[in-house]
Protein backbone atom coordinates (compact mmCIF):
# COMPACT_ATOMS: atom_id res chain seq x y z
CA MET A 1 -28.13 4.68 -11.34
CA CYS A 2 -27.77 3.07 -7.93
CA ALA A 3 -27.40 -0.63 -7.39
CA GLU A 4 -26.68 -2.78 -4.38
CA GLY A 5 -23.25 -2.18 -2.90
CA VAL A 6 -21.12 -5.24 -2.26
CA GLY A 7 -17.90 -3.63 -1.05
CA ARG A 8 -15.86 -5.28 1.65
CA GLY A 9 -16.91 -4.08 5.10
CA PHE A 10 -20.17 -2.47 3.99
CA GLU A 11 -23.75 -3.71 4.18
CA ALA A 12 -24.82 -5.74 1.18
CA SER A 13 -27.95 -3.59 0.85
CA ARG A 14 -26.09 -0.29 0.70
CA GLU A 15 -26.40 1.73 -2.51
CA ILE A 16 -23.46 3.97 -3.29
CA PHE A 17 -23.03 6.65 -5.94
CA ASP A 18 -19.88 8.80 -6.07
CA CYS A 19 -21.06 12.24 -7.16
CA HIS A 20 -17.64 13.88 -7.57
CA THR A 21 -14.89 12.30 -9.68
CA HIS A 22 -12.51 13.53 -12.37
CA ILE A 23 -11.28 11.48 -15.31
CA PHE A 24 -8.89 12.24 -18.15
CA PRO A 25 -7.86 10.58 -21.42
CA ASP A 26 -5.34 7.82 -20.73
CA LYS A 27 -2.45 9.55 -22.51
CA ILE A 28 -2.62 12.66 -20.31
CA ALA A 29 -4.29 11.31 -17.16
CA GLU A 30 -1.21 10.91 -14.98
CA LYS A 31 0.11 14.37 -15.84
CA ALA A 32 -3.30 16.00 -15.32
CA SER A 33 -3.75 14.25 -11.99
CA ALA A 34 -0.32 15.34 -10.81
CA GLY A 35 -1.23 18.91 -11.73
CA ILE A 36 -4.26 18.79 -9.45
CA GLY A 37 -2.12 17.45 -6.63
CA GLY A 38 0.40 20.22 -7.13
CA PHE A 39 -2.32 22.88 -7.08
CA TYR A 40 -3.53 21.71 -3.66
CA GLY A 41 -0.29 20.34 -2.25
CA ILE A 42 -1.91 16.94 -1.69
CA PRO A 43 -0.54 13.59 -2.91
CA ILE A 44 -2.62 12.01 -5.69
CA LEU A 45 -3.45 8.35 -5.08
CA PHE A 46 -4.60 7.27 -8.55
CA ASP A 47 -3.76 7.87 -12.19
CA GLY A 48 -7.00 9.63 -13.18
CA THR A 49 -8.05 7.15 -15.85
CA ALA A 50 -11.61 5.93 -16.26
CA GLY A 51 -10.45 2.32 -16.07
CA THR A 52 -8.84 2.76 -12.68
CA LEU A 53 -11.90 4.58 -11.37
CA ILE A 54 -14.21 1.76 -12.45
CA ARG A 55 -11.88 -0.82 -10.88
CA VAL A 56 -11.57 0.84 -7.46
CA CYS A 57 -15.29 1.58 -7.36
CA ARG A 58 -16.28 -1.99 -8.14
CA GLU A 59 -13.82 -3.30 -5.58
CA ASN A 60 -15.62 -1.21 -2.95
CA GLY A 61 -19.26 -1.60 -3.89
CA VAL A 62 -19.73 1.73 -5.67
CA SER A 63 -22.20 1.20 -8.49
CA GLY A 64 -21.90 4.52 -10.32
CA CYS A 65 -20.04 7.81 -10.56
CA LEU A 66 -20.52 11.35 -11.70
CA VAL A 67 -17.53 12.06 -13.94
CA CYS A 68 -16.27 15.43 -15.11
CA SER A 69 -13.27 17.47 -16.14
CA VAL A 70 -12.52 21.20 -16.32
CA ALA A 71 -11.63 23.34 -19.33
CA THR A 72 -9.12 26.07 -18.49
CA LYS A 73 -9.45 27.54 -22.00
CA PRO A 74 -12.57 27.93 -24.16
CA GLU A 75 -11.00 25.91 -26.98
CA GLN A 76 -10.75 22.86 -24.68
CA VAL A 77 -14.48 22.68 -24.01
CA GLU A 78 -15.66 20.66 -27.00
CA ASN A 79 -12.93 18.02 -26.75
CA ILE A 80 -13.43 17.60 -23.00
CA ASN A 81 -17.17 17.22 -23.41
CA ASP A 82 -16.70 14.71 -26.22
CA PHE A 83 -14.42 12.68 -23.93
CA ILE A 84 -16.83 12.81 -20.99
CA GLY A 85 -19.77 11.98 -23.23
CA GLU A 86 -17.97 9.04 -24.84
CA SER A 87 -16.83 7.77 -21.44
CA ALA A 88 -20.38 7.91 -20.11
CA SER A 89 -21.95 6.26 -23.15
CA SER A 90 -19.41 3.42 -23.19
CA SER A 91 -19.66 2.65 -19.47
CA ASN A 92 -22.97 0.74 -19.59
CA GLY A 93 -24.56 3.24 -17.23
CA PHE A 94 -21.72 3.29 -14.70
CA PHE A 95 -20.80 6.93 -15.45
CA THR A 96 -23.07 9.96 -15.37
CA GLY A 97 -21.30 12.81 -17.16
CA PHE A 98 -21.20 16.53 -16.41
CA CYS A 99 -19.97 18.86 -19.14
CA SER A 100 -17.44 21.65 -18.89
CA LEU A 101 -18.14 25.24 -19.91
CA HIS A 102 -15.87 28.29 -19.84
CA PRO A 103 -16.81 31.89 -18.97
CA ASP A 104 -14.92 33.29 -21.96
CA MET A 105 -17.23 31.53 -24.43
CA THR A 106 -19.75 33.76 -26.19
CA GLU A 107 -23.42 33.42 -25.36
CA LYS A 108 -24.02 31.71 -28.69
CA GLU A 109 -21.14 29.30 -28.10
CA LEU A 110 -22.51 28.52 -24.66
CA ASP A 111 -26.06 28.02 -25.93
CA ASP A 112 -24.91 25.77 -28.77
CA GLU A 113 -22.71 23.69 -26.49
CA VAL A 114 -25.38 23.29 -23.83
CA ALA A 115 -27.83 22.06 -26.48
CA ARG A 116 -25.15 19.69 -27.80
CA VAL A 117 -24.27 18.14 -24.43
CA ILE A 118 -27.92 17.70 -23.50
CA ALA A 119 -28.40 15.82 -26.76
CA MET A 120 -25.34 13.71 -25.85
CA GLY A 121 -27.00 12.76 -22.57
CA LEU A 122 -24.79 14.71 -20.18
CA LYS A 123 -26.62 15.58 -16.98
CA GLY A 124 -25.05 18.77 -15.63
CA VAL A 125 -22.25 21.35 -15.68
CA LYS A 126 -18.96 21.29 -13.78
CA LEU A 127 -17.31 24.64 -13.01
CA HIS A 128 -14.09 25.34 -11.10
CA PRO A 129 -13.79 29.08 -10.47
CA ASP A 130 -10.24 28.76 -9.08
CA PHE A 131 -8.87 26.77 -12.04
CA GLN A 132 -10.85 28.83 -14.56
CA GLU A 133 -10.16 32.14 -12.79
CA PHE A 134 -13.61 33.67 -12.57
CA LYS A 135 -15.70 34.87 -9.66
CA ALA A 136 -18.60 32.56 -8.94
CA ASP A 137 -20.83 35.60 -8.43
CA GLY A 138 -19.39 37.75 -11.20
CA ALA A 139 -20.66 38.84 -14.60
CA ARG A 140 -18.66 36.18 -16.48
CA ALA A 141 -20.29 33.45 -14.39
CA PHE A 142 -23.74 35.03 -14.71
CA LYS A 143 -23.52 34.63 -18.48
CA ILE A 144 -23.20 30.87 -18.01
CA TYR A 145 -25.99 30.68 -15.43
CA GLU A 146 -28.33 32.66 -17.67
CA VAL A 147 -27.70 30.46 -20.71
CA VAL A 148 -28.06 27.19 -18.80
CA GLY A 149 -31.03 28.40 -16.75
CA GLY A 150 -32.76 25.55 -14.99
CA ARG A 151 -31.94 23.00 -17.70
CA LEU A 152 -28.96 21.42 -15.94
CA PRO A 153 -27.61 21.39 -12.36
CA PHE A 154 -24.16 22.75 -11.59
CA LEU A 155 -21.35 21.11 -9.65
CA ILE A 156 -19.19 24.04 -8.54
CA HIS A 157 -15.91 23.83 -6.71
CA ALA A 158 -16.43 25.83 -3.51
CA GLY A 159 -13.90 27.33 -1.16
CA ASP A 160 -10.16 28.02 -1.05
CA SER A 161 -9.00 30.95 1.03
CA ARG A 162 -5.94 31.35 -1.21
CA TYR A 163 -8.06 32.64 -4.09
CA PRO A 164 -10.85 35.23 -4.51
CA TYR A 165 -13.09 33.19 -6.79
CA SER A 166 -15.08 30.41 -5.12
CA SER A 167 -15.74 31.47 -1.52
CA PRO A 168 -18.99 30.41 0.15
CA LYS A 169 -20.05 34.06 0.02
CA ARG A 170 -19.76 34.05 -3.77
CA ILE A 171 -21.56 30.71 -4.13
CA ALA A 172 -24.37 32.03 -1.94
CA GLY A 173 -24.59 35.22 -3.98
CA ALA A 174 -24.93 33.28 -7.21
CA ALA A 175 -27.56 30.95 -5.75
CA LYS A 176 -29.58 33.91 -4.49
CA ARG A 177 -29.44 35.76 -7.81
CA PHE A 178 -30.43 32.64 -9.79
CA PRO A 179 -33.00 30.78 -7.66
CA GLU A 180 -33.96 28.52 -10.58
CA MET A 181 -30.40 27.19 -10.65
CA THR A 182 -29.55 23.99 -8.75
CA VAL A 183 -26.04 24.04 -7.31
CA ILE A 184 -23.98 21.25 -5.78
CA ALA A 185 -21.43 23.23 -3.79
CA ALA A 186 -18.49 20.87 -3.56
CA HIS A 187 -16.47 20.07 -0.44
CA LEU A 188 -19.24 20.69 2.10
CA GLY A 189 -19.85 24.10 0.57
CA GLY A 190 -16.36 25.50 0.97
CA TRP A 191 -13.06 23.65 1.16
CA SER A 192 -11.14 24.86 4.25
CA GLU A 193 -13.95 27.41 4.84
CA TRP A 194 -16.54 25.04 6.28
CA ASP A 195 -17.94 27.23 9.09
CA ASP A 196 -18.48 30.14 6.74
CA ALA A 197 -20.07 27.82 4.19
CA VAL A 198 -22.67 26.55 6.64
CA SER A 199 -23.53 30.08 7.78
CA ARG A 200 -24.09 31.26 4.19
CA LEU A 201 -25.46 28.20 2.40
CA ALA A 202 -27.52 26.20 4.88
CA ASP A 203 -30.63 28.31 4.21
CA ARG A 204 -30.23 28.31 0.41
CA GLY A 205 -32.81 25.82 -0.76
CA ASN A 206 -31.35 25.53 -4.27
CA VAL A 207 -27.92 24.52 -2.92
CA CYS A 208 -26.80 20.99 -2.09
CA VAL A 209 -23.30 20.04 -0.94
CA ASP A 210 -21.05 17.06 -1.45
CA ILE A 211 -18.63 15.72 1.15
CA SER A 212 -15.65 15.24 -1.16
CA SER A 213 -12.20 16.40 -0.02
CA SER A 214 -13.58 17.27 3.42
CA LEU A 215 -13.78 14.29 5.75
CA TYR A 216 -9.99 13.83 5.75
CA ALA A 217 -9.64 17.23 7.46
CA LEU A 218 -12.60 17.17 9.88
CA ARG A 219 -13.31 15.37 13.12
CA PRO A 220 -16.28 13.02 12.63
CA GLU A 221 -18.39 14.92 15.14
CA LYS A 222 -17.71 18.22 13.35
CA ALA A 223 -18.52 16.76 9.95
CA ARG A 224 -21.72 15.29 11.35
CA GLU A 225 -22.62 18.76 12.68
CA TYR A 226 -22.22 20.22 9.18
CA VAL A 227 -24.32 17.45 7.66
CA ALA A 228 -27.07 18.17 10.18
CA ALA A 229 -26.91 21.89 9.40
CA TYR A 230 -27.50 21.29 5.68
CA GLY A 231 -29.97 18.48 6.29
CA GLU A 232 -29.79 14.88 5.16
CA ASP A 233 -31.71 15.68 1.94
CA ARG A 234 -29.04 18.10 0.67
CA VAL A 235 -25.79 16.19 1.19
CA LEU A 236 -24.18 13.85 -1.39
CA PHE A 237 -21.32 11.38 -1.13
CA GLY A 238 -18.25 12.09 -3.27
CA THR A 239 -14.56 11.22 -3.27
CA ASP A 240 -12.82 13.69 -5.61
CA TYR A 241 -11.05 10.83 -7.40
CA PRO A 242 -8.14 10.66 -8.26
CA MET A 243 -7.23 12.46 -5.04
CA TRP A 244 -8.76 10.08 -2.51
CA ASP A 245 -9.38 6.36 -2.06
CA VAL A 246 -13.08 5.45 -2.09
CA LYS A 247 -12.46 2.73 0.53
CA GLU A 248 -11.00 5.26 2.96
CA GLU A 249 -13.71 7.81 2.17
CA LEU A 250 -16.44 5.25 2.92
CA GLU A 251 -14.70 4.39 6.19
CA ARG A 252 -14.55 8.08 7.08
CA PHE A 253 -18.22 8.42 6.20
CA ASP A 254 -19.10 5.50 8.46
CA ARG A 255 -17.41 7.28 11.37
CA LEU A 256 -20.08 9.99 11.18
CA ASP A 257 -22.40 7.41 12.76
CA LEU A 258 -25.50 8.64 10.91
CA ASP A 259 -28.78 6.78 11.09
CA GLU A 260 -29.62 4.42 8.24
CA ARG A 261 -32.11 6.76 6.57
CA ALA A 262 -29.56 9.58 6.36
CA ARG A 263 -26.84 7.21 5.15
CA ARG A 264 -28.97 5.88 2.32
CA LYS A 265 -29.92 9.37 1.18
CA ILE A 266 -26.36 10.69 1.23
CA LEU A 267 -24.76 7.64 -0.35
CA CYS A 268 -27.17 7.43 -3.26
CA GLY A 269 -30.76 8.60 -2.77
CA ASN A 270 -30.10 12.32 -3.02
CA ALA A 271 -27.98 11.91 -6.16
CA LYS A 272 -30.66 9.76 -7.75
CA LYS A 273 -33.30 12.37 -7.02
CA LEU A 274 -31.15 15.17 -8.40
CA LEU A 275 -29.75 13.47 -11.50
CA ASP A 276 -32.37 10.92 -12.47
CA PRO A 277 -35.78 12.08 -11.14
CA ALA A 278 -37.71 10.28 -13.88
CA ASP A 279 -36.46 6.95 -12.50
CA LEU A 280 -37.91 7.47 -9.02
């Protein structure tokens, strides 16, 4: 999964894996990316295609990415997962794919789709409670957690005070109820709700966090404080492509001034352990 980074301005020995990116089919990528930007009121820097993601990553020494997309309707799930699976299989190992599931699928539909995506080689599940309009600690979400069990980890969008779905409190409640479930709580555990996220998630051993869509809004010393609260073994590097530029995100990460052991774990080691333990 991880190979030597060769990006400009970064150590030649650095291994980098981006654990949070979104890609879309070329014909709809620009429109889908603009929709994300409109939802958050943030300019989108890239077009959302797999080709652009590979290009900007290789230009900056990133040797692999976790790619995903989100189904806002149950009938979108199969096509999205086919696209993610095909993108991963055709990338020569550059992409690790996470599937999409939807809370309005039946238990049988969920079970069948989980079996199908595992057979395809997808490595986890991406959920976005705000886009998909379900409470992360509600009965509709529980149905998904129960079907998946401990077979796949979850990458769950976390935090947005505008909506009642993905708060750190709800992520913590789900993680407590399903201790066998591994959760990557995106955006340092709660976008725009970082203090609350640390207070609720730092002691949840089955919860990791990624740093995507966070460093732009935090002073380096504050972000470093959050990293220390979660611990260097539970934090993963991510950019939230197509929203942010990996070069800028790596520069922001460097400003945290972490020691080399922590940097290596966050940039790649923790993702490798979570997503590819057999390769350790």
